[in-house]
Amino acid sequence: MSDNVQNRKIGVVEPQVNRFRASGPILFLAILFVVGAFLTWYFTWFGRQLNHTDIATYLADSKHPRKVQHALLQIQERLERQDPSARQWHPQVVALASSGETEVRLTVAWLMGFDNKSSEFQESLLKLLRDPEPVVRRNAALALVRHNDAQGRQELLSILTPYVVSLSSEGVLTSSVKPGDTVARGSLLARIREANDELVALRSPLRGTVDSVAIEAGARVSSGQPLLSLKSDEESVWEALRGLALIGEPEDAAVIERYLEQSTSIPDRTKEQAALTVKAIESRKK
């Protein structure tokens, strides 16, 4: 009787031990996956504080643009706190204005607005105002306002009007977004099938909403042909209006007043800022 009971106990316990042994490697791999994911997030999280040595190292790491961006944002925080130590990295920041990475240049352009006493930053911003990427030019124009420099005014006005996206290759348009579609920067706008049967993707240079599409799918297209227009996102419009409140000219009022229309698609905050901008421009005429 006792042997039977003992055997039953053994019969119950042994499979559990085997299951534990079998699941051990799976559990270990799961832990490694979780730890790896956490470390990846931690080391790419822009909120992680860097010391001075880290910042210098990250700025020089041209192979990892996210590390460069992380360092730039840490410098921005120091500039906002008016930490004089931030000026030690100014030469590296100026050098990064010529980076081949759009993400780095747009971050540099934004950061340079936080030290409006730096003539080096102002000179670099004027160069970035001619950048091939519209998002970089726009950040540079907004940063120049902080330097009390109105040379980015036309770029700010362009934010208030639809941006035309043109095709960069020749072939047959196989797909395209529709009016009203919301897109992020880098989102797929269209595909073009070239003569060699290769599909080429056209991606959005800006965040916004598709305003109109000039060409339908199936049409034969050529390089440089306008495909569609994009309306700027709300945040960009609001920032442009704030900038124009300081550097706008009387002739800009006609463009700005479009945002005073009683349209449900225009947020109240944007309408209020448009009214303040027109008022500020008019007050400078007196």
C-alpha atoms as a PDB file:
ATOM      1  CA  MET A   1       0.000   0.000   0.000  1.00  0.00           C
ATOM      2  CA  SER A   2       2.715   2.476   0.966  1.00  0.00           C
ATOM      3  CA  ASP A   3       4.722   1.517  -2.132  1.00  0.00           C
ATOM      4  CA  ASN A   4       1.751   2.309  -4.335  1.00  0.00           C
ATOM      5  CA  VAL A   5       1.290   5.681  -2.655  1.00  0.00           C
ATOM      6  CA  GLN A   6       4.980   6.418  -3.000  1.00  0.00           C
ATOM      7  CA  ASN A   7       4.892   5.444  -6.669  1.00  0.00           C
ATOM      8  CA  ARG A   8       1.920   7.699  -7.259  1.00  0.00           C
ATOM      9  CA  LYS A   9       3.767  10.568  -5.600  1.00  0.00           C
ATOM     10  CA  ILE A  10       6.795   9.906  -7.726  1.00  0.00           C
ATOM     11  CA  GLY A  11       4.575   9.665 -10.791  1.00  0.00           C
ATOM     12  CA  VAL A  12       3.167  13.107 -10.045  1.00  0.00           C
ATOM     13  CA  VAL A  13       6.423  14.829  -9.168  1.00  0.00           C
ATOM     14  CA  GLU A  14       8.685  13.577 -11.951  1.00  0.00           C
ATOM     15  CA  PRO A  15       6.779  15.117 -14.943  1.00  0.00           C
ATOM     16  CA  GLN A  16       6.757  18.523 -13.210  1.00  0.00           C
ATOM     17  CA  VAL A  17      10.520  18.359 -12.789  1.00  0.00           C
ATOM     18  CA  ASN A  18      10.907  17.390 -16.430  1.00  0.00           C
ATOM     19  CA  ARG A  19       8.643  20.212 -17.552  1.00  0.00           C
ATOM     20  CA  PHE A  20      10.688  22.661 -15.479  1.00  0.00           C
ATOM     21  CA  ARG A  21      13.911  21.371 -16.992  1.00  0.00           C
ATOM     22  CA  ALA A  22      12.443  21.585 -20.491  1.00  0.00           C
ATOM     23  CA  SER A  23      11.165  25.118 -20.001  1.00  0.00           C
ATOM     24  CA  GLY A  24      14.399  26.372 -18.421  1.00  0.00           C
ATOM     25  CA  PRO A  25      16.084  27.396 -21.711  1.00  0.00           C
ATOM     26  CA  ILE A  26      12.853  29.036 -22.933  1.00  0.00           C
ATOM     27  CA  LEU A  27      12.581  31.001 -19.691  1.00  0.00           C
ATOM     28  CA  PHE A  28      16.242  32.042 -19.988  1.00  0.00           C
ATOM     29  CA  LEU A  29      15.704  33.219 -23.566  1.00  0.00           C
ATOM     30  CA  ALA A  30      12.590  35.139 -22.511  1.00  0.00           C
ATOM     31  CA  ILE A  31      14.561  36.911 -19.777  1.00  0.00           C
ATOM     32  CA  LEU A  32      17.325  37.741 -22.257  1.00  0.00           C
ATOM     33  CA  PHE A  33      14.735  39.148 -24.664  1.00  0.00           C
ATOM     34  CA  VAL A  34      13.175  41.362 -21.967  1.00  0.00           C
ATOM     35  CA  VAL A  35      16.571  42.555 -20.717  1.00  0.00           C
ATOM     36  CA  GLY A  36      17.749  43.203 -24.287  1.00  0.00           C
ATOM     37  CA  ALA A  37      14.614  45.177 -25.101  1.00  0.00           C
ATOM     38  CA  PHE A  38      15.005  47.228 -21.918  1.00  0.00           C
ATOM     39  CA  LEU A  39      18.674  48.005 -22.612  1.00  0.00           C
ATOM     40  CA  THR A  40      17.878  48.984 -26.217  1.00  0.00           C
ATOM     41  CA  TRP A  41      15.165  51.346 -24.985  1.00  0.00           C
ATOM     42  CA  TYR A  42      17.342  52.715 -22.188  1.00  0.00           C
ATOM     43  CA  PHE A  43      20.312  53.497 -24.406  1.00  0.00           C
ATOM     44  CA  THR A  44      18.171  55.109 -27.132  1.00  0.00           C
ATOM     45  CA  TRP A  45      15.832  56.990 -24.759  1.00  0.00           C
ATOM     46  CA  PHE A  46      16.462  60.702 -25.146  1.00  0.00           C
ATOM     47  CA  GLY A  47      15.429  61.387 -21.552  1.00  0.00           C
ATOM     48  CA  ARG A  48      18.468  59.570 -20.131  1.00  0.00           C
ATOM     49  CA  GLN A  49      20.882  62.062 -18.619  1.00  0.00           C
ATOM     50  CA  LEU A  50      24.388  62.250 -20.083  1.00  0.00           C
ATOM     51  CA  ASN A  51      27.491  63.614 -18.398  1.00  0.00           C
ATOM     52  CA  HIS A  52      29.951  65.907 -20.154  1.00  0.00           C
ATOM     53  CA  THR A  53      32.145  63.035 -21.355  1.00  0.00           C
ATOM     54  CA  ASP A  54      29.118  61.180 -22.751  1.00  0.00           C
ATOM     55  CA  ILE A  55      27.930  64.255 -24.643  1.00  0.00           C
ATOM     56  CA  ALA A  56      31.322  64.792 -26.293  1.00  0.00           C
ATOM     57  CA  THR A  57      31.495  61.094 -27.224  1.00  0.00           C
ATOM     58  CA  TYR A  58      27.947  60.980 -28.586  1.00  0.00           C
ATOM     59  CA  LEU A  59      28.449  64.129 -30.680  1.00  0.00           C
ATOM     60  CA  ALA A  60      31.426  62.485 -32.392  1.00  0.00           C
ATOM     61  CA  ASP A  61      29.575  59.212 -33.090  1.00  0.00           C
ATOM     62  CA  SER A  62      28.674  59.775 -36.747  1.00  0.00           C
ATOM     63  CA  LYS A  63      27.679  56.108 -37.166  1.00  0.00           C
ATOM     64  CA  HIS A  64      24.763  56.466 -34.727  1.00  0.00           C
ATOM     65  CA  PRO A  65      22.604  59.542 -35.512  1.00  0.00           C
ATOM     66  CA  ARG A  66      20.309  58.847 -32.541  1.00  0.00           C
ATOM     67  CA  LYS A  67      23.241  59.208 -30.163  1.00  0.00           C
ATOM     68  CA  VAL A  68      24.121  62.526 -31.809  1.00  0.00           C
ATOM     69  CA  GLN A  69      20.505  63.680 -31.413  1.00  0.00           C
ATOM     70  CA  HIS A  70      20.508  62.575 -27.784  1.00  0.00           C
ATOM     71  CA  ALA A  71      23.590  64.676 -27.073  1.00  0.00           C
ATOM     72  CA  LEU A  72      22.131  67.674 -28.913  1.00  0.00           C
ATOM     73  CA  LEU A  73      18.955  67.549 -26.841  1.00  0.00           C
ATOM     74  CA  GLN A  74      21.020  67.377 -23.658  1.00  0.00           C
ATOM     75  CA  ILE A  75      22.889  70.505 -24.781  1.00  0.00           C
ATOM     76  CA  GLN A  76      19.557  72.198 -25.462  1.00  0.00           C
ATOM     77  CA  GLU A  77      18.415  71.466 -21.912  1.00  0.00           C
ATOM     78  CA  ARG A  78      21.597  73.060 -20.564  1.00  0.00           C
ATOM     79  CA  LEU A  79      21.104  76.124 -22.766  1.00  0.00           C
ATOM     80  CA  GLU A  80      17.535  76.452 -21.488  1.00  0.00           C
ATOM     81  CA  ARG A  81      18.922  76.418 -17.933  1.00  0.00           C
ATOM     82  CA  GLN A  82      21.508  79.023 -19.052  1.00  0.00           C
ATOM     83  CA  ASP A  83      24.280  76.643 -18.094  1.00  0.00           C
ATOM     84  CA  PRO A  84      27.511  78.275 -19.360  1.00  0.00           C
ATOM     85  CA  SER A  85      29.168  74.855 -19.744  1.00  0.00           C
ATOM     86  CA  ALA A  86      27.001  74.216 -22.810  1.00  0.00           C
ATOM     87  CA  ARG A  87      29.082  76.631 -24.865  1.00  0.00           C
ATOM     88  CA  GLN A  88      32.019  74.198 -24.892  1.00  0.00           C
ATOM     89  CA  TRP A  89      30.166  72.114 -27.489  1.00  0.00           C
ATOM     90  CA  HIS A  90      29.245  75.001 -29.799  1.00  0.00           C
ATOM     91  CA  PRO A  91      32.017  74.196 -32.336  1.00  0.00           C
ATOM     92  CA  GLN A  92      30.803  70.586 -32.603  1.00  0.00           C
ATOM     93  CA  VAL A  93      27.188  71.728 -32.975  1.00  0.00           C
ATOM     94  CA  VAL A  94      28.154  74.107 -35.782  1.00  0.00           C
ATOM     95  CA  ALA A  95      30.049  71.301 -37.527  1.00  0.00           C
ATOM     96  CA  LEU A  96      26.982  69.050 -37.305  1.00  0.00           C
ATOM     97  CA  ALA A  97      24.977  71.593 -39.307  1.00  0.00           C
ATOM     98  CA  SER A  98      26.695  69.996 -42.331  1.00  0.00           C
ATOM     99  CA  SER A  99      25.745  66.436 -41.337  1.00  0.00           C
ATOM    100  CA  GLY A 100      24.457  64.152 -44.063  1.00  0.00           C
ATOM    101  CA  GLU A 101      21.646  63.035 -41.732  1.00  0.00           C
ATOM    102  CA  THR A 102      18.428  65.054 -41.972  1.00  0.00           C
ATOM    103  CA  GLU A 103      17.472  64.146 -38.392  1.00  0.00           C
ATOM    104  CA  VAL A 104      20.716  65.624 -37.096  1.00  0.00           C
ATOM    105  CA  ARG A 105      20.427  68.841 -39.136  1.00  0.00           C
ATOM    106  CA  LEU A 106      16.834  69.496 -38.096  1.00  0.00           C
ATOM    107  CA  THR A 107      17.776  68.975 -34.428  1.00  0.00           C
ATOM    108  CA  VAL A 108      20.787  71.282 -34.789  1.00  0.00           C
ATOM    109  CA  ALA A 109      18.596  73.951 -36.404  1.00  0.00           C
ATOM    110  CA  TRP A 110      16.137  73.821 -33.517  1.00  0.00           C
ATOM    111  CA  LEU A 111      18.861  73.812 -30.831  1.00  0.00           C
ATOM    112  CA  MET A 112      20.580  76.882 -32.287  1.00  0.00           C
ATOM    113  CA  GLY A 113      17.582  78.982 -31.370  1.00  0.00           C
ATOM    114  CA  PHE A 114      18.311  78.481 -27.680  1.00  0.00           C
ATOM    115  CA  ASP A 115      21.466  80.606 -27.707  1.00  0.00           C
ATOM    116  CA  ASN A 116      20.548  83.836 -29.470  1.00  0.00           C
ATOM    117  CA  LYS A 117      23.812  85.448 -28.391  1.00  0.00           C
ATOM    118  CA  SER A 118      25.912  83.150 -30.555  1.00  0.00           C
ATOM    119  CA  SER A 119      26.872  84.736 -33.861  1.00  0.00           C
ATOM    120  CA  GLU A 120      28.209  81.332 -34.994  1.00  0.00           C
ATOM    121  CA  PHE A 121      24.763  79.818 -34.526  1.00  0.00           C
ATOM    122  CA  GLN A 122      23.113  82.668 -36.419  1.00  0.00           C
ATOM    123  CA  GLU A 123      25.485  82.256 -39.378  1.00  0.00           C
ATOM    124  CA  SER A 124      24.885  78.499 -39.439  1.00  0.00           C
ATOM    125  CA  LEU A 125      21.120  78.999 -39.345  1.00  0.00           C
ATOM    126  CA  LEU A 126      21.298  81.228 -42.408  1.00  0.00           C
ATOM    127  CA  LYS A 127      23.029  78.369 -44.252  1.00  0.00           C
ATOM    128  CA  LEU A 128      20.433  75.870 -43.011  1.00  0.00           C
ATOM    129  CA  LEU A 129      17.764  78.182 -44.409  1.00  0.00           C
ATOM    130  CA  ARG A 130      18.922  76.902 -47.820  1.00  0.00           C
ATOM    131  CA  ASP A 131      18.849  73.223 -46.829  1.00  0.00           C
ATOM    132  CA  PRO A 132      17.311  70.824 -49.398  1.00  0.00           C
ATOM    133  CA  GLU A 133      14.931  69.436 -46.750  1.00  0.00           C
ATOM    134  CA  PRO A 134      11.915  71.679 -45.926  1.00  0.00           C
ATOM    135  CA  VAL A 135      11.733  70.487 -42.313  1.00  0.00           C
ATOM    136  CA  VAL A 136      15.303  71.712 -41.725  1.00  0.00           C
ATOM    137  CA  ARG A 137      14.581  75.072 -43.374  1.00  0.00           C
ATOM    138  CA  ARG A 138      11.487  75.528 -41.237  1.00  0.00           C
ATOM    139  CA  ASN A 139      13.326  74.800 -37.990  1.00  0.00           C
ATOM    140  CA  ALA A 140      16.076  77.197 -39.061  1.00  0.00           C
ATOM    141  CA  ALA A 141      13.535  79.957 -39.814  1.00  0.00           C
ATOM    142  CA  LEU A 142      11.894  79.541 -36.393  1.00  0.00           C
ATOM    143  CA  ALA A 143      15.275  79.551 -34.651  1.00  0.00           C
ATOM    144  CA  LEU A 144      16.297  82.743 -36.475  1.00  0.00           C
ATOM    145  CA  VAL A 145      13.267  84.510 -34.980  1.00  0.00           C
ATOM    146  CA  ARG A 146      14.853  83.924 -31.563  1.00  0.00           C
ATOM    147  CA  HIS A 147      17.959  85.665 -32.927  1.00  0.00           C
ATOM    148  CA  ASN A 148      15.760  88.618 -33.932  1.00  0.00           C
ATOM    149  CA  ASP A 149      16.592  87.811 -37.541  1.00  0.00           C
ATOM    150  CA  ALA A 150      13.749  88.110 -40.070  1.00  0.00           C
ATOM    151  CA  GLN A 151      15.547  86.395 -42.968  1.00  0.00           C
ATOM    152  CA  GLY A 152      13.473  83.247 -42.489  1.00  0.00           C
ATOM    153  CA  ARG A 153      10.177  85.103 -42.941  1.00  0.00           C
ATOM    154  CA  GLN A 154       9.370  83.660 -46.381  1.00  0.00           C
ATOM    155  CA  GLU A 155       9.966  80.153 -45.059  1.00  0.00           C
ATOM    156  CA  LEU A 156       7.508  80.781 -42.212  1.00  0.00           C
ATOM    157  CA  LEU A 157       4.933  82.044 -44.698  1.00  0.00           C
ATOM    158  CA  SER A 158       5.386  78.876 -46.736  1.00  0.00           C
ATOM    159  CA  ILE A 159       4.215  76.842 -43.723  1.00  0.00           C
ATOM    160  CA  LEU A 160       0.842  78.569 -44.003  1.00  0.00           C
ATOM    161  CA  THR A 161       0.341  77.466 -47.623  1.00  0.00           C
ATOM    162  CA  PRO A 162       0.194  73.909 -49.051  1.00  0.00           C
ATOM    163  CA  TYR A 163       3.588  72.391 -49.873  1.00  0.00           C
ATOM    164  CA  VAL A 164       3.845  70.867 -53.363  1.00  0.00           C
ATOM    165  CA  VAL A 165       5.484  67.436 -53.552  1.00  0.00           C
ATOM    166  CA  SER A 166       6.964  66.609 -56.967  1.00  0.00           C
ATOM    167  CA  LEU A 167       7.957  63.260 -58.423  1.00  0.00           C
ATOM    168  CA  SER A 168      11.602  62.252 -58.494  1.00  0.00           C
ATOM    169  CA  SER A 169      11.404  59.470 -61.084  1.00  0.00           C
ATOM    170  CA  GLU A 170       9.740  58.569 -64.374  1.00  0.00           C
ATOM    171  CA  GLY A 171       7.329  55.714 -65.017  1.00  0.00           C
ATOM    172  CA  VAL A 172       3.778  54.664 -64.178  1.00  0.00           C
ATOM    173  CA  LEU A 173       2.132  55.784 -60.951  1.00  0.00           C
ATOM    174  CA  THR A 174       0.885  52.581 -59.329  1.00  0.00           C
ATOM    175  CA  SER A 175      -0.467  53.962 -56.045  1.00  0.00           C
ATOM    176  CA  SER A 176      -0.985  57.228 -54.222  1.00  0.00           C
ATOM    177  CA  VAL A 177      -2.546  58.672 -51.084  1.00  0.00           C
ATOM    178  CA  LYS A 178      -5.936  60.442 -51.159  1.00  0.00           C
ATOM    179  CA  PRO A 179      -6.982  63.993 -50.206  1.00  0.00           C
ATOM    180  CA  GLY A 180      -7.620  64.187 -46.484  1.00  0.00           C
ATOM    181  CA  ASP A 181      -5.068  61.504 -45.598  1.00  0.00           C
ATOM    182  CA  THR A 182      -2.833  62.392 -42.653  1.00  0.00           C
ATOM    183  CA  VAL A 183       0.839  61.597 -43.179  1.00  0.00           C
ATOM    184  CA  ALA A 184       3.961  61.662 -41.060  1.00  0.00           C
ATOM    185  CA  ARG A 185       7.356  62.689 -42.332  1.00  0.00           C
ATOM    186  CA  GLY A 186       8.725  59.637 -44.093  1.00  0.00           C
ATOM    187  CA  SER A 187       5.281  58.156 -44.807  1.00  0.00           C
ATOM    188  CA  LEU A 188       4.748  56.513 -48.190  1.00  0.00           C
ATOM    189  CA  LEU A 189       3.011  58.912 -50.577  1.00  0.00           C
ATOM    190  CA  ALA A 190       3.211  56.985 -53.841  1.00  0.00           C
ATOM    191  CA  ARG A 191       4.925  54.244 -55.816  1.00  0.00           C
ATOM    192  CA  ILE A 192       6.217  54.626 -59.372  1.00  0.00           C
ATOM    193  CA  ARG A 193       7.013  51.655 -61.609  1.00  0.00           C
ATOM    194  CA  GLU A 194      10.018  52.579 -63.729  1.00  0.00           C
ATOM    195  CA  ALA A 195      10.787  51.269 -67.233  1.00  0.00           C
ATOM    196  CA  ASN A 196      12.998  48.510 -65.782  1.00  0.00           C
ATOM    197  CA  ASP A 197       9.964  47.312 -63.762  1.00  0.00           C
ATOM    198  CA  GLU A 198      11.517  48.521 -60.494  1.00  0.00           C
ATOM    199  CA  LEU A 199       9.162  50.111 -57.952  1.00  0.00           C
ATOM    200  CA  VAL A 200      10.338  53.438 -56.533  1.00  0.00           C
ATOM    201  CA  ALA A 201       8.792  54.795 -53.324  1.00  0.00           C
ATOM    202  CA  LEU A 202       8.078  58.500 -52.831  1.00  0.00           C
ATOM    203  CA  ARG A 203       7.977  59.477 -49.165  1.00  0.00           C
ATOM    204  CA  SER A 204       6.649  62.580 -47.453  1.00  0.00           C
ATOM    205  CA  PRO A 205       9.206  65.268 -46.607  1.00  0.00           C
ATOM    206  CA  LEU A 206       6.831  66.751 -44.025  1.00  0.00           C
ATOM    207  CA  ARG A 207       4.116  65.919 -41.544  1.00  0.00           C
ATOM    208  CA  GLY A 208       0.670  67.116 -42.558  1.00  0.00           C
ATOM    209  CA  THR A 209      -2.567  66.400 -44.421  1.00  0.00           C
ATOM    210  CA  VAL A 210      -2.926  65.704 -48.137  1.00  0.00           C
ATOM    211  CA  ASP A 211      -4.686  68.743 -49.586  1.00  0.00           C
ATOM    212  CA  SER A 212      -5.033  67.713 -53.228  1.00  0.00           C
ATOM    213  CA  VAL A 213      -3.715  65.052 -55.603  1.00  0.00           C
ATOM    214  CA  ALA A 214      -2.927  66.107 -59.179  1.00  0.00           C
ATOM    215  CA  ILE A 215      -2.312  62.679 -60.753  1.00  0.00           C
ATOM    216  CA  GLU A 216      -4.345  59.489 -60.522  1.00  0.00           C
ATOM    217  CA  ALA A 217      -2.900  55.996 -60.206  1.00  0.00           C
ATOM    218  CA  GLY A 218      -2.218  54.388 -63.563  1.00  0.00           C
ATOM    219  CA  ALA A 219      -0.989  57.574 -65.229  1.00  0.00           C
ATOM    220  CA  ARG A 220       2.435  57.848 -66.832  1.00  0.00           C
ATOM    221  CA  VAL A 221       4.527  60.412 -64.975  1.00  0.00           C
ATOM    222  CA  SER A 222       7.856  62.181 -65.354  1.00  0.00           C
ATOM    223  CA  SER A 223      10.467  63.427 -62.904  1.00  0.00           C
ATOM    224  CA  GLY A 224       9.737  66.902 -61.510  1.00  0.00           C
ATOM    225  CA  GLN A 225       6.005  66.641 -62.144  1.00  0.00           C
ATOM    226  CA  PRO A 226       3.867  67.911 -59.204  1.00  0.00           C
ATOM    227  CA  LEU A 227       2.011  65.000 -57.602  1.00  0.00           C
ATOM    228  CA  LEU A 228       0.188  66.444 -54.610  1.00  0.00           C
ATOM    229  CA  SER A 229       0.098  69.236 -52.047  1.00  0.00           C
ATOM    230  CA  LEU A 230       0.366  68.938 -48.267  1.00  0.00           C
ATOM    231  CA  LYS A 231      -1.183  71.199 -45.650  1.00  0.00           C
ATOM    232  CA  SER A 232       1.079  71.719 -42.648  1.00  0.00           C
ATOM    233  CA  ASP A 233       0.249  70.111 -39.327  1.00  0.00           C
ATOM    234  CA  GLU A 234      -1.374  72.230 -36.621  1.00  0.00           C
ATOM    235  CA  GLU A 235       1.754  72.573 -34.465  1.00  0.00           C
ATOM    236  CA  SER A 236       3.852  73.853 -37.367  1.00  0.00           C
ATOM    237  CA  VAL A 237       1.170  76.396 -38.342  1.00  0.00           C
ATOM    238  CA  TRP A 238       0.899  77.619 -34.764  1.00  0.00           C
ATOM    239  CA  GLU A 239       4.687  78.021 -34.452  1.00  0.00           C
ATOM    240  CA  ALA A 240       4.842  79.872 -37.787  1.00  0.00           C
ATOM    241  CA  LEU A 241       2.111  82.271 -36.654  1.00  0.00           C
ATOM    242  CA  ARG A 242       3.981  82.952 -33.432  1.00  0.00           C
ATOM    243  CA  GLY A 243       7.142  83.700 -35.384  1.00  0.00           C
ATOM    244  CA  LEU A 244       5.350  86.003 -37.821  1.00  0.00           C
ATOM    245  CA  ALA A 245       3.886  87.921 -34.885  1.00  0.00           C
ATOM    246  CA  LEU A 246       7.453  89.106 -34.308  1.00  0.00           C
ATOM    247  CA  ILE A 247       8.821  89.458 -37.851  1.00  0.00           C
ATOM    248  CA  GLY A 248       5.767  89.531 -40.130  1.00  0.00           C
ATOM    249  CA  GLU A 249       5.160  92.356 -42.598  1.00  0.00           C
ATOM    250  CA  PRO A 250       1.828  94.067 -43.470  1.00  0.00           C
ATOM    251  CA  GLU A 251       1.612  92.183 -46.792  1.00  0.00           C
ATOM    252  CA  ASP A 252       1.612  88.884 -44.873  1.00  0.00           C
ATOM    253  CA  ALA A 253      -1.811  89.589 -43.397  1.00  0.00           C
ATOM    254  CA  ALA A 254      -3.700  88.154 -46.383  1.00  0.00           C
ATOM    255  CA  VAL A 255      -2.124  84.723 -45.861  1.00  0.00           C
ATOM    256  CA  ILE A 256      -2.529  84.812 -42.088  1.00  0.00           C
ATOM    257  CA  GLU A 257      -6.172  85.879 -42.209  1.00  0.00           C
ATOM    258  CA  ARG A 258      -7.110  82.594 -43.895  1.00  0.00           C
ATOM    259  CA  TYR A 259      -6.737  81.060 -40.450  1.00  0.00           C
ATOM    260  CA  LEU A 260      -9.375  83.433 -39.053  1.00  0.00           C
ATOM    261  CA  GLU A 261     -12.099  81.823 -41.142  1.00  0.00           C
ATOM    262  CA  GLN A 262     -14.964  80.148 -39.286  1.00  0.00           C
ATOM    263  CA  SER A 263     -13.934  76.684 -40.408  1.00  0.00           C
ATOM    264  CA  THR A 264     -14.380  73.649 -38.180  1.00  0.00           C
ATOM    265  CA  SER A 265     -11.098  72.240 -39.532  1.00  0.00           C
ATOM    266  CA  ILE A 266      -9.085  75.106 -38.006  1.00  0.00           C
ATOM    267  CA  PRO A 267      -8.500  74.618 -34.245  1.00  0.00           C
ATOM    268  CA  ASP A 268      -9.509  77.472 -31.944  1.00  0.00           C
ATOM    269  CA  ARG A 269      -5.936  77.808 -30.686  1.00  0.00           C
ATOM    270  CA  THR A 270      -4.735  78.440 -34.244  1.00  0.00           C
ATOM    271  CA  LYS A 271      -7.491  81.011 -34.880  1.00  0.00           C
ATOM    272  CA  GLU A 272      -6.596  82.835 -31.669  1.00  0.00           C
ATOM    273  CA  GLN A 273      -2.901  82.935 -32.591  1.00  0.00           C
ATOM    274  CA  ALA A 274      -3.723  84.150 -36.108  1.00  0.00           C
ATOM    275  CA  ALA A 275      -5.718  87.029 -34.631  1.00  0.00           C
ATOM    276  CA  LEU A 276      -2.868  87.908 -32.271  1.00  0.00           C
ATOM    277  CA  THR A 277      -0.370  87.770 -35.146  1.00  0.00           C
ATOM    278  CA  VAL A 278      -2.415  90.135 -37.342  1.00  0.00           C
ATOM    279  CA  LYS A 279      -2.799  92.490 -34.389  1.00  0.00           C
ATOM    280  CA  ALA A 280       0.949  92.431 -33.681  1.00  0.00           C
ATOM    281  CA  ILE A 281       1.795  93.177 -37.333  1.00  0.00           C
ATOM    282  CA  GLU A 282      -0.689  96.045 -37.461  1.00  0.00           C
ATOM    283  CA  SER A 283       0.701  97.536 -34.264  1.00  0.00           C
ATOM    284  CA  ARG A 284       4.160  97.745 -35.844  1.00  0.00           C
ATOM    285  CA  LYS A 285       2.758  99.807 -38.734  1.00  0.00           C
ATOM    286  CA  LYS A 286       1.938 102.672 -36.404  1.00  0.00           C
END
